[in-house]
Amino acid sequence: MSTNITFPKVSIIVPTHNSATTVIKCLQSLVMQNYPIAEIIVVDNSSKDNTIELVKDFSKKRKSLIKIIERKKNMGVGSSYNAGVQKAKSQLVIFLHSDSCPKTKNELKKLVTPVLSSQNIVASYPTAIVPRDVWDSYNFWQKYRFTRLLGKEVGFNAKFDCIRKDIFLKVGGFDEKRFARDEAIGGEDADLYLRLKKEGELVLSTAEVIHYHYLGTQYSLKDHFKTRKMLARTYGRLLRVQGRSLPISSKGKGLQIPFGVLLFLVKPTLAILPFIPGMTSVGLSLLVIYAFLNAKTLYTTQSTLRDPRIFLVPFIDIFLVYYETFWMIQAFIFTKKKV
């Protein structure tokens, strides 16, 4: 691509909900970008902390740049992006999680460049990074939550994506009916990806974004169970809604689903094997191996290895196999019809 290309202004949409520990980092990383930004639309979902106050204070000197939409109810990330796109002035929109920050001042340009190279490219996505020093700053249960995500993730997942506004509207945006906040079900990003694929290409850019997640100290085991329930129900709903479209392998295909649809079968298989005649010993052995491999970083890090709670982790992992299998089946069976 020519270096003399004119980069069009973009509209950036940032959903927030109790994002006080990261939202200013996020906004600061945006205003530092070496790229023309038409507007930053912050959609707050009834935050109970001081998120909205922080955003308003930050926007005082940037009133022409930052727009705020305050919602009285937490409608979720997908609904927030839909609302933001409806207000967006630009034909290219950027989705960015409030706990994510472009790694350098040139990441926005890197993200947008592929979309400008061809009309057939409808969206682009980055490599998301959870750095070791960020993971080290988490408390014990949050380290447990993100032990498998330490390092790099690649996929179209609304953490830092660029998309053509007209195509987004054409496919109907995020599905707020079947991937609903009030049902505590995610997966709207994967569902959107599969619908966008019918309109054109979604490509990996060279952009990198740091995914901080929650940077407070209050993350608990209860929070982890809520997250695992949500993810399990997400998998069940995706299988129900997009089962025929899910790839056998998602490597290089833009979906943040390792091994594609096969991933959804791992825990149900582990849950059932010990109860199959002749497979009990094999099933139990696989459960134990899984429990230790699932959180292997905890067992190789001195700070977590010395924590007495480390002894609970294998038992929790085994319990979660059955817990998540139950909720995945529940979400697969019971689903709202789209209207």
Protein backbone atom coordinates (compact mmCIF):
# COMPACT_ATOMS: atom_id res chain seq x y z
CA MET A 1 0.00 0.00 0.00
CA SER A 2 1.21 3.50 -0.79
CA THR A 3 2.59 5.46 2.14
CA ASN A 4 0.84 8.55 0.72
CA ILE A 5 -2.60 7.15 1.45
CA THR A 6 -5.05 9.43 3.25
CA PHE A 7 -6.34 7.75 6.38
CA PRO A 8 -10.04 8.49 7.02
CA LYS A 9 -11.24 9.55 10.45
CA VAL A 10 -12.70 6.81 12.62
CA SER A 11 -15.31 6.62 15.35
CA ILE A 12 -14.19 4.65 18.41
CA ILE A 13 -16.75 3.00 20.68
CA VAL A 14 -15.79 2.11 24.26
CA PRO A 15 -18.39 0.30 26.42
CA THR A 16 -17.91 0.63 30.19
CA HIS A 17 -19.33 -1.01 33.28
CA ASN A 18 -17.50 -0.62 36.60
CA SER A 19 -14.34 0.08 34.60
CA ALA A 20 -12.68 2.52 37.02
CA THR A 21 -9.41 0.57 37.24
CA THR A 22 -8.72 0.71 33.50
CA VAL A 23 -10.90 3.26 31.66
CA ILE A 24 -8.49 6.21 31.96
CA LYS A 25 -5.58 4.04 30.75
CA CYS A 26 -7.78 3.12 27.80
CA LEU A 27 -8.77 6.69 26.92
CA GLN A 28 -5.22 7.98 27.34
CA SER A 29 -3.94 5.34 24.94
CA LEU A 30 -6.51 6.52 22.37
CA VAL A 31 -5.82 10.26 22.48
CA MET A 32 -2.10 9.45 22.02
CA GLN A 33 -2.73 7.57 18.76
CA ASN A 34 -0.99 8.84 15.64
CA TYR A 35 -4.23 8.66 13.69
CA PRO A 36 -7.19 11.03 12.98
CA ILE A 37 -10.09 10.30 15.34
CA ALA A 38 -13.50 11.83 14.70
CA GLU A 39 -14.96 10.87 18.07
CA ILE A 40 -14.68 8.54 21.01
CA ILE A 41 -18.11 7.33 22.10
CA VAL A 42 -18.15 6.01 25.66
CA VAL A 43 -21.26 3.94 26.39
CA ASP A 44 -21.62 3.48 30.15
CA ASN A 45 -23.78 0.62 31.35
CA SER A 46 -24.99 1.87 34.72
CA SER A 47 -21.61 1.67 36.46
CA LYS A 48 -21.81 1.47 40.24
CA ASP A 49 -18.25 2.70 40.80
CA ASN A 50 -16.85 6.08 39.73
CA THR A 51 -16.28 5.15 36.07
CA ILE A 52 -18.57 7.81 34.66
CA GLU A 53 -17.11 10.53 36.90
CA LEU A 54 -13.60 9.62 35.72
CA VAL A 55 -14.67 9.74 32.09
CA LYS A 56 -16.43 13.08 32.48
CA ASP A 57 -13.40 14.59 34.20
CA PHE A 58 -11.10 13.24 31.49
CA SER A 59 -13.36 14.64 28.75
CA LYS A 60 -13.50 18.22 30.10
CA LYS A 61 -10.65 19.33 27.86
CA ARG A 62 -11.78 17.06 25.04
CA LYS A 63 -15.50 17.79 24.78
CA SER A 64 -15.40 17.88 21.00
CA LEU A 65 -13.77 14.43 20.92
CA ILE A 66 -15.39 12.39 23.68
CA LYS A 67 -19.12 11.74 23.72
CA ILE A 68 -20.83 9.95 26.59
CA ILE A 69 -23.95 7.80 26.48
CA GLU A 70 -25.25 6.95 29.96
CA ARG A 71 -27.58 3.98 30.27
CA LYS A 72 -29.76 3.26 33.28
CA LYS A 73 -29.38 -0.50 32.86
CA ASN A 74 -26.40 -2.72 32.06
CA MET A 75 -27.24 -3.87 28.54
CA GLY A 76 -23.89 -5.53 27.85
CA VAL A 77 -21.03 -5.06 25.43
CA GLY A 78 -22.82 -6.04 22.21
CA SER A 79 -25.76 -3.72 22.88
CA SER A 80 -23.32 -0.90 23.70
CA TYR A 81 -21.53 -1.33 20.38
CA ASN A 82 -24.87 -1.33 18.57
CA ALA A 83 -25.86 1.93 20.27
CA GLY A 84 -22.48 3.49 19.53
CA VAL A 85 -22.54 2.56 15.84
CA GLN A 86 -25.97 4.19 15.48
CA LYS A 87 -24.42 7.46 16.73
CA ALA A 88 -21.11 7.14 14.88
CA LYS A 89 -20.27 9.76 12.24
CA SER A 90 -17.50 7.82 10.50
CA GLN A 91 -17.78 5.01 7.99
CA LEU A 92 -15.09 3.08 9.84
CA VAL A 93 -15.82 2.21 13.46
CA ILE A 94 -13.44 0.84 16.05
CA PHE A 95 -14.57 -1.42 18.88
CA LEU A 96 -12.40 -1.24 22.00
CA HIS A 97 -12.90 -2.79 25.41
CA SER A 98 -12.47 -0.37 28.30
CA ASP A 99 -9.86 -2.71 29.82
CA SER A 100 -7.72 -2.71 26.68
CA CYS A 101 -5.06 -0.30 25.41
CA PRO A 102 -3.32 -0.11 22.02
CA LYS A 103 0.30 -1.06 22.69
CA THR A 104 1.90 1.96 20.94
CA LYS A 105 0.74 5.22 19.38
CA ASN A 106 0.71 3.59 15.93
CA GLU A 107 -1.60 0.64 16.64
CA LEU A 108 -4.75 2.32 15.34
CA LYS A 109 -3.08 2.97 11.99
CA LYS A 110 -1.92 -0.66 11.86
CA LEU A 111 -5.45 -1.85 12.61
CA VAL A 112 -7.15 0.29 9.96
CA THR A 113 -4.62 -0.27 7.14
CA PRO A 114 -5.87 -3.72 5.99
CA VAL A 115 -9.46 -2.48 5.68
CA LEU A 116 -8.31 0.32 3.38
CA SER A 117 -6.43 -2.08 1.13
CA SER A 118 -9.51 -3.75 -0.35
CA GLN A 119 -13.27 -3.22 -0.42
CA ASN A 120 -13.64 -6.96 0.07
CA ILE A 121 -12.13 -6.67 3.56
CA VAL A 122 -14.98 -5.83 5.93
CA ALA A 123 -13.09 -5.90 9.23
CA SER A 124 -9.68 -6.34 10.82
CA TYR A 125 -8.54 -7.47 14.24
CA PRO A 126 -5.35 -7.39 16.36
CA THR A 127 -3.23 -9.61 18.51
CA ALA A 128 -4.28 -9.16 22.14
CA ILE A 129 -1.61 -9.51 24.81
CA VAL A 130 -1.80 -10.27 28.53
CA PRO A 131 1.79 -9.44 29.58
CA ARG A 132 3.45 -11.43 32.34
CA ASP A 133 3.93 -8.34 34.51
CA VAL A 134 0.19 -7.61 34.31
CA TRP A 135 -0.66 -11.22 35.22
CA ASP A 136 1.79 -11.01 38.14
CA SER A 137 -0.14 -8.01 39.50
CA TYR A 138 -3.39 -9.97 39.80
CA ASN A 139 -4.55 -11.55 43.05
CA PHE A 140 -4.52 -15.35 43.38
CA TRP A 141 -7.98 -16.08 41.97
CA GLN A 142 -7.55 -13.73 39.04
CA LYS A 143 -4.24 -15.39 38.21
CA TYR A 144 -6.12 -18.68 38.25
CA ARG A 145 -8.79 -17.19 35.97
CA PHE A 146 -6.29 -16.01 33.36
CA THR A 147 -3.60 -18.67 33.62
CA ARG A 148 -4.43 -20.03 30.16
CA LEU A 149 -4.66 -16.57 28.59
CA LEU A 150 -1.23 -15.43 29.68
CA GLY A 151 0.63 -14.37 26.55
CA LYS A 152 -1.09 -13.69 23.22
CA GLU A 153 -4.60 -14.15 21.84
CA VAL A 154 -5.53 -13.69 18.20
CA GLY A 155 -9.11 -13.23 17.13
CA PHE A 156 -12.00 -10.98 16.19
CA ASN A 157 -13.54 -10.44 19.63
CA ALA A 158 -14.34 -6.71 19.92
CA LYS A 159 -11.32 -6.01 22.11
CA PHE A 160 -9.83 -3.77 19.39
CA ASP A 161 -11.46 -4.32 16.01
CA CYS A 162 -12.04 -2.16 12.93
CA ILE A 163 -15.21 -2.67 10.91
CA ARG A 164 -17.07 -1.04 8.04
CA LYS A 165 -20.16 0.65 9.44
CA ASP A 166 -22.39 -0.12 6.44
CA ILE A 167 -21.57 -3.84 6.58
CA PHE A 168 -22.10 -3.94 10.34
CA LEU A 169 -25.56 -2.41 9.91
CA LYS A 170 -26.32 -4.66 6.93
CA VAL A 171 -25.84 -7.85 8.98
CA GLY A 172 -27.86 -6.42 11.87
CA GLY A 173 -25.03 -5.68 14.30
CA PHE A 174 -24.63 -7.74 17.45
CA ASP A 175 -27.47 -10.14 18.21
CA GLU A 176 -28.98 -8.75 21.43
CA LYS A 177 -31.75 -11.33 21.55
CA ARG A 178 -29.94 -14.66 21.61
CA PHE A 179 -26.69 -13.41 23.17
CA ALA A 180 -28.26 -11.33 25.90
CA ARG A 181 -26.85 -9.60 28.96
CA ASP A 182 -29.94 -10.48 31.01
CA GLU A 183 -29.25 -14.16 30.33
CA ALA A 184 -25.55 -13.77 31.21
CA ILE A 185 -24.53 -15.23 27.86
CA GLY A 186 -21.64 -13.98 25.71
CA GLY A 187 -20.54 -15.15 22.28
CA GLU A 188 -22.01 -12.22 20.39
CA ASP A 189 -18.57 -11.50 18.93
CA ALA A 190 -18.16 -15.00 17.44
CA ASP A 191 -21.73 -14.89 16.14
CA LEU A 192 -21.07 -11.53 14.46
CA TYR A 193 -17.81 -12.83 12.98
CA LEU A 194 -19.61 -15.73 11.30
CA ARG A 195 -22.26 -13.43 9.83
CA LEU A 196 -19.66 -10.92 8.61
CA LYS A 197 -17.76 -13.75 6.87
CA LYS A 198 -20.68 -14.02 4.47
CA GLU A 199 -20.10 -10.40 3.40
CA GLY A 200 -16.32 -10.39 2.94
CA GLU A 201 -12.96 -11.01 4.56
CA LEU A 202 -11.92 -10.40 8.18
CA VAL A 203 -8.14 -10.20 8.40
CA LEU A 204 -5.47 -10.18 11.07
CA SER A 205 -3.66 -6.84 11.22
CA THR A 206 -0.23 -6.14 12.70
CA ALA A 207 -1.82 -4.12 15.53
CA GLU A 208 -1.33 -5.21 19.14
CA VAL A 209 -3.51 -4.37 22.11
CA ILE A 210 -2.76 -4.95 25.79
CA HIS A 211 -5.70 -6.57 27.56
CA TYR A 212 -5.47 -5.58 31.21
CA HIS A 213 -8.77 -7.02 32.41
CA TYR A 214 -9.65 -5.94 35.96
CA LEU A 215 -6.77 -4.25 37.83
CA GLY A 216 -8.34 -4.09 41.27
CA THR A 217 -7.87 -6.46 44.20
CA GLN A 218 -11.42 -7.67 44.74
CA TYR A 219 -11.58 -10.52 42.22
CA SER A 220 -12.87 -13.59 44.08
CA LEU A 221 -13.49 -17.29 43.52
CA LYS A 222 -17.19 -16.40 43.30
CA ASP A 223 -16.39 -14.06 40.42
CA HIS A 224 -14.51 -16.89 38.72
CA PHE A 225 -17.53 -19.20 38.98
CA LYS A 226 -19.74 -16.49 37.45
CA THR A 227 -17.30 -16.14 34.56
CA ARG A 228 -17.08 -19.89 33.94
CA LYS A 229 -20.87 -20.15 33.99
CA MET A 230 -21.13 -17.35 31.43
CA LEU A 231 -18.51 -18.93 29.15
CA ALA A 232 -20.15 -22.36 29.39
CA ARG A 233 -23.53 -20.91 28.48
CA THR A 234 -21.85 -19.00 25.68
CA TYR A 235 -20.51 -22.21 24.16
CA GLY A 236 -23.92 -23.86 24.42
CA ARG A 237 -25.67 -20.94 22.75
CA LEU A 238 -23.08 -20.74 19.96
CA LEU A 239 -23.54 -24.43 19.25
CA ARG A 240 -27.31 -23.92 19.07
CA VAL A 241 -27.27 -20.76 16.94
CA GLN A 242 -24.16 -21.21 14.78
CA GLY A 243 -23.33 -24.90 15.17
CA ARG A 244 -23.32 -25.61 11.44
CA SER A 245 -21.09 -22.61 10.73
CA LEU A 246 -18.49 -23.21 13.45
CA PRO A 247 -15.21 -24.50 11.97
CA ILE A 248 -13.63 -27.75 13.11
CA SER A 249 -10.44 -25.74 13.65
CA SER A 250 -10.42 -21.99 14.19
CA LYS A 251 -6.65 -21.56 13.82
CA GLY A 252 -6.00 -18.57 11.57
CA LYS A 253 -9.71 -18.04 11.01
CA GLY A 254 -10.23 -15.07 13.36
CA LEU A 255 -12.27 -16.88 16.01
CA GLN A 256 -10.90 -16.92 19.53
CA ILE A 257 -11.92 -20.57 19.95
CA PRO A 258 -8.89 -22.87 20.14
CA PHE A 259 -9.58 -26.04 18.11
CA GLY A 260 -12.87 -24.56 16.93
CA VAL A 261 -16.01 -26.54 17.64
CA LEU A 262 -13.94 -29.40 19.09
CA LEU A 263 -13.26 -27.23 22.15
CA PHE A 264 -16.93 -27.43 23.12
CA LEU A 265 -16.74 -31.22 23.32
CA VAL A 266 -13.76 -31.46 25.70
CA LYS A 267 -15.50 -30.94 29.04
CA PRO A 268 -18.66 -32.93 28.25
CA THR A 269 -16.38 -35.80 27.20
CA LEU A 270 -14.32 -35.54 30.40
CA ALA A 271 -17.53 -35.44 32.44
CA ILE A 272 -19.04 -38.53 30.83
CA LEU A 273 -16.02 -40.86 30.46
CA PRO A 274 -15.74 -41.94 34.14
CA PHE A 275 -19.34 -43.23 33.98
CA ILE A 276 -18.91 -45.35 30.87
CA PRO A 277 -18.39 -49.04 31.72
CA GLY A 278 -14.80 -50.03 31.08
CA MET A 279 -13.68 -46.40 30.81
CA THR A 280 -13.83 -45.38 34.48
CA SER A 281 -10.10 -45.53 35.21
CA VAL A 282 -9.23 -43.80 31.94
CA GLY A 283 -11.86 -41.13 32.54
CA LEU A 284 -10.67 -40.41 36.08
CA SER A 285 -7.05 -40.29 34.93
CA LEU A 286 -7.92 -37.79 32.20
CA LEU A 287 -9.79 -35.64 34.72
CA VAL A 288 -6.73 -35.49 36.97
CA ILE A 289 -4.38 -34.75 34.08
CA TYR A 290 -6.71 -32.02 32.85
CA ALA A 291 -6.93 -30.46 36.31
CA PHE A 292 -3.17 -30.05 36.54
CA LEU A 293 -2.60 -28.98 32.93
CA ASN A 294 -5.40 -26.42 33.06
CA ALA A 295 -3.61 -24.31 35.68
CA LYS A 296 -0.02 -25.36 35.04
CA THR A 297 1.29 -21.77 35.29
CA LEU A 298 0.11 -21.65 38.90
CA TYR A 299 2.23 -24.71 39.67
CA THR A 300 5.35 -23.21 38.12
CA THR A 301 5.13 -19.73 39.69
CA GLN A 302 6.65 -19.32 43.15
CA SER A 303 4.12 -16.78 44.45
CA THR A 304 1.14 -19.01 43.66
CA LEU A 305 2.86 -22.30 44.47
CA ARG A 306 3.46 -21.07 48.02
CA ASP A 307 -0.16 -19.98 48.47
CA PRO A 308 -2.21 -22.56 50.46
CA ARG A 309 -5.12 -22.07 48.05
CA ILE A 310 -3.11 -23.90 45.38
CA PHE A 311 -4.26 -27.19 46.97
CA LEU A 312 -7.88 -26.33 46.15
CA VAL A 313 -7.26 -25.66 42.47
CA PRO A 314 -7.26 -29.28 41.12
CA PHE A 315 -10.52 -30.04 42.95
CA ILE A 316 -12.09 -26.81 41.67
CA ASP A 317 -11.03 -27.64 38.12
CA ILE A 318 -12.64 -31.08 38.31
CA PHE A 319 -15.83 -29.63 39.77
CA LEU A 320 -15.94 -27.01 37.02
CA VAL A 321 -15.90 -29.74 34.35
CA TYR A 322 -19.35 -30.83 35.57
CA TYR A 323 -20.54 -27.33 36.46
CA GLU A 324 -19.74 -25.98 32.99
CA THR A 325 -21.11 -29.05 31.19
CA PHE A 326 -24.45 -28.52 32.95
CA TRP A 327 -24.67 -24.84 31.98
CA MET A 328 -23.56 -25.49 28.41
CA ILE A 329 -26.36 -28.02 27.95
CA GLN A 330 -28.84 -25.66 29.60
CA ALA A 331 -28.00 -22.80 27.22
CA PHE A 332 -28.09 -25.14 24.23
CA ILE A 333 -31.57 -26.42 25.05
CA PHE A 334 -33.19 -23.20 26.19
CA THR A 335 -32.79 -20.27 23.81
CA LYS A 336 -34.90 -17.27 22.88
CA LYS A 337 -36.15 -17.04 19.33
CA LYS A 338 -34.77 -14.05 17.47
CA VAL A 339 -37.39 -11.45 16.58
